[in-house]
């Protein structure tokens, strides 16, 4: 699954740790999401969408 997390995070000048804190996950989880090594659970995907104020479909796309 592809995602725009790194771009969205950079637009807000957030570090991976900042985003991790907002989502209630570890910085390593954010890194794994950004590099495509980990696909989020549905609840985490909803939290990500809420943090960025965008629909899930605009953040995550199929390969």
N, C-alpha and C. Protein backbone atom coordinates (compact mmCIF):
# COMPACT_ATOMS: atom_id res chain seq x y z
N UNK A 1 0.84 -1.17 0.00
CA UNK A 1 0.00 0.00 0.00
C UNK A 1 0.89 1.24 0.00
N UNK A 2 0.58 2.15 -0.88
CA UNK A 2 1.31 3.42 -0.93
C UNK A 2 0.61 4.44 -0.05
N UNK A 3 1.37 5.43 0.42
CA UNK A 3 0.75 6.47 1.23
C UNK A 3 1.49 7.80 1.05
N UNK A 4 0.84 8.87 1.49
CA UNK A 4 1.38 10.22 1.39
C UNK A 4 1.79 10.77 2.75
N UNK A 5 2.04 9.88 3.70
CA UNK A 5 2.33 10.34 5.06
C UNK A 5 3.53 11.26 5.14
N UNK A 6 4.60 10.90 4.49
CA UNK A 6 5.83 11.71 4.57
C UNK A 6 5.59 13.11 4.02
N UNK A 7 4.86 13.20 2.91
CA UNK A 7 4.56 14.50 2.30
C UNK A 7 3.66 15.33 3.22
N UNK A 8 2.61 14.71 3.72
CA UNK A 8 1.69 15.42 4.61
C UNK A 8 2.38 15.88 5.89
N UNK A 9 3.23 15.03 6.41
CA UNK A 9 3.99 15.39 7.62
C UNK A 9 4.94 16.54 7.34
N UNK A 10 5.62 16.51 6.20
CA UNK A 10 6.57 17.56 5.84
C UNK A 10 5.86 18.91 5.62
N UNK A 11 4.66 18.86 5.05
CA UNK A 11 3.89 20.09 4.83
C UNK A 11 3.59 20.81 6.14
N UNK A 12 3.53 20.06 7.21
CA UNK A 12 3.23 20.63 8.53
C UNK A 12 4.50 20.84 9.37
N UNK A 13 5.65 20.53 8.78
CA UNK A 13 6.92 20.65 9.49
C UNK A 13 6.94 19.82 10.77
N UNK A 14 6.34 18.64 10.70
CA UNK A 14 6.32 17.72 11.84
C UNK A 14 7.43 16.70 11.69
N UNK A 15 8.03 16.33 12.78
CA UNK A 15 8.97 15.21 12.78
C UNK A 15 8.16 13.92 12.87
N UNK A 16 8.83 12.80 12.67
CA UNK A 16 8.15 11.52 12.84
C UNK A 16 7.66 11.38 14.28
N UNK A 17 8.43 11.89 15.22
CA UNK A 17 8.04 11.83 16.63
C UNK A 17 6.78 12.66 16.89
N UNK A 18 6.67 13.83 16.24
CA UNK A 18 5.48 14.66 16.39
C UNK A 18 4.23 13.92 15.92
N UNK A 19 4.34 13.31 14.75
CA UNK A 19 3.21 12.56 14.22
C UNK A 19 2.90 11.35 15.10
N UNK A 20 3.93 10.67 15.55
CA UNK A 20 3.73 9.52 16.44
C UNK A 20 2.97 9.92 17.69
N UNK A 21 3.33 11.05 18.28
CA UNK A 21 2.65 11.54 19.48
C UNK A 21 1.18 11.83 19.19
N UNK A 22 0.91 12.44 18.04
CA UNK A 22 -0.47 12.78 17.67
C UNK A 22 -1.31 11.53 17.45
N UNK A 23 -0.66 10.45 17.01
CA UNK A 23 -1.38 9.21 16.70
C UNK A 23 -1.39 8.22 17.86
N UNK A 24 -0.55 8.45 18.85
CA UNK A 24 -0.45 7.51 19.96
C UNK A 24 0.29 6.23 19.60
N UNK A 25 1.29 6.36 18.72
CA UNK A 25 2.12 5.21 18.32
C UNK A 25 3.58 5.59 18.49
N UNK A 26 4.48 4.66 18.24
CA UNK A 26 5.91 4.94 18.33
C UNK A 26 6.42 5.60 17.05
N UNK A 27 7.56 6.26 17.17
CA UNK A 27 8.20 6.86 16.00
C UNK A 27 8.57 5.77 15.00
N UNK A 28 8.94 4.60 15.50
CA UNK A 28 9.30 3.48 14.63
C UNK A 28 8.09 3.04 13.80
N UNK A 29 6.90 3.10 14.38
CA UNK A 29 5.69 2.76 13.62
C UNK A 29 5.48 3.76 12.49
N UNK A 30 5.66 5.04 12.77
CA UNK A 30 5.52 6.06 11.72
C UNK A 30 6.54 5.81 10.62
N UNK A 31 7.78 5.51 10.99
CA UNK A 31 8.81 5.22 10.00
C UNK A 31 8.42 4.01 9.15
N UNK A 32 7.92 2.96 9.78
CA UNK A 32 7.52 1.76 9.05
C UNK A 32 6.35 2.05 8.11
N UNK A 33 5.43 2.88 8.53
CA UNK A 33 4.31 3.27 7.67
C UNK A 33 4.82 4.05 6.46
N UNK A 34 5.68 5.03 6.70
CA UNK A 34 6.18 5.87 5.62
C UNK A 34 6.99 5.09 4.60
N UNK A 35 7.71 4.09 5.03
CA UNK A 35 8.56 3.32 4.12
C UNK A 35 7.84 2.12 3.52
N UNK A 36 6.57 1.93 3.89
CA UNK A 36 5.78 0.86 3.31
C UNK A 36 6.05 -0.51 3.90
N UNK A 37 6.76 -0.57 5.01
CA UNK A 37 7.02 -1.86 5.65
C UNK A 37 5.86 -2.32 6.52
N UNK A 38 4.90 -1.43 6.74
CA UNK A 38 3.78 -1.74 7.63
C UNK A 38 2.55 -1.04 7.09
N UNK A 39 1.43 -1.77 6.99
CA UNK A 39 0.15 -1.18 6.63
C UNK A 39 -0.64 -0.97 7.92
N UNK A 40 -1.28 0.18 8.05
CA UNK A 40 -1.97 0.47 9.31
C UNK A 40 -3.22 -0.37 9.50
N UNK A 41 -3.57 -0.59 10.74
CA UNK A 41 -4.87 -1.19 11.04
C UNK A 41 -5.93 -0.17 10.65
N UNK A 42 -7.16 -0.61 10.54
CA UNK A 42 -8.24 0.30 10.18
C UNK A 42 -8.41 1.42 11.22
N UNK A 43 -8.38 1.10 12.53
CA UNK A 43 -8.48 2.20 13.51
C UNK A 43 -7.34 3.21 13.38
N UNK A 44 -6.13 2.74 13.11
CA UNK A 44 -5.00 3.66 12.95
C UNK A 44 -5.17 4.49 11.68
N UNK A 45 -5.64 3.89 10.61
CA UNK A 45 -5.88 4.63 9.37
C UNK A 45 -6.90 5.75 9.60
N UNK A 46 -7.94 5.46 10.38
CA UNK A 46 -8.92 6.50 10.70
C UNK A 46 -8.30 7.62 11.54
N UNK A 47 -7.43 7.27 12.49
CA UNK A 47 -6.75 8.30 13.29
C UNK A 47 -5.86 9.16 12.42
N UNK A 48 -5.14 8.53 11.49
CA UNK A 48 -4.27 9.28 10.57
C UNK A 48 -5.10 10.25 9.75
N UNK A 49 -6.21 9.78 9.19
CA UNK A 49 -7.08 10.63 8.39
C UNK A 49 -7.60 11.81 9.21
N UNK A 50 -7.97 11.55 10.46
CA UNK A 50 -8.48 12.62 11.33
C UNK A 50 -7.39 13.65 11.63
N UNK A 51 -6.19 13.18 11.92
CA UNK A 51 -5.08 14.10 12.23
C UNK A 51 -4.81 15.04 11.05
N UNK A 52 -4.87 14.50 9.84
CA UNK A 52 -4.58 15.31 8.65
C UNK A 52 -5.83 15.96 8.05
N UNK A 53 -7.00 15.63 8.57
CA UNK A 53 -8.23 16.24 8.07
C UNK A 53 -8.54 15.86 6.63
N UNK A 54 -8.20 14.62 6.27
CA UNK A 54 -8.42 14.16 4.90
C UNK A 54 -9.04 12.77 4.92
N UNK A 55 -9.74 12.42 3.83
CA UNK A 55 -10.28 11.05 3.77
C UNK A 55 -9.15 10.03 3.65
N UNK A 56 -9.38 8.85 4.18
CA UNK A 56 -8.39 7.78 4.11
C UNK A 56 -7.92 7.56 2.68
N UNK A 57 -8.86 7.62 1.73
CA UNK A 57 -8.53 7.33 0.33
C UNK A 57 -7.56 8.34 -0.28
N UNK A 58 -7.48 9.54 0.29
CA UNK A 58 -6.54 10.53 -0.24
C UNK A 58 -5.14 10.36 0.36
N UNK A 59 -5.03 9.55 1.40
CA UNK A 59 -3.74 9.31 2.05
C UNK A 59 -3.16 7.98 1.63
N UNK A 60 -3.99 6.95 1.55
CA UNK A 60 -3.54 5.59 1.23
C UNK A 60 -4.11 5.14 -0.11
N UNK A 61 -3.26 4.54 -0.94
CA UNK A 61 -3.69 3.99 -2.22
C UNK A 61 -3.09 2.59 -2.38
N UNK A 62 -3.76 1.78 -3.17
CA UNK A 62 -3.23 0.45 -3.44
C UNK A 62 -2.00 0.52 -4.32
N UNK A 63 -1.15 -0.47 -4.21
CA UNK A 63 0.07 -0.53 -5.04
C UNK A 63 -0.29 -0.58 -6.50
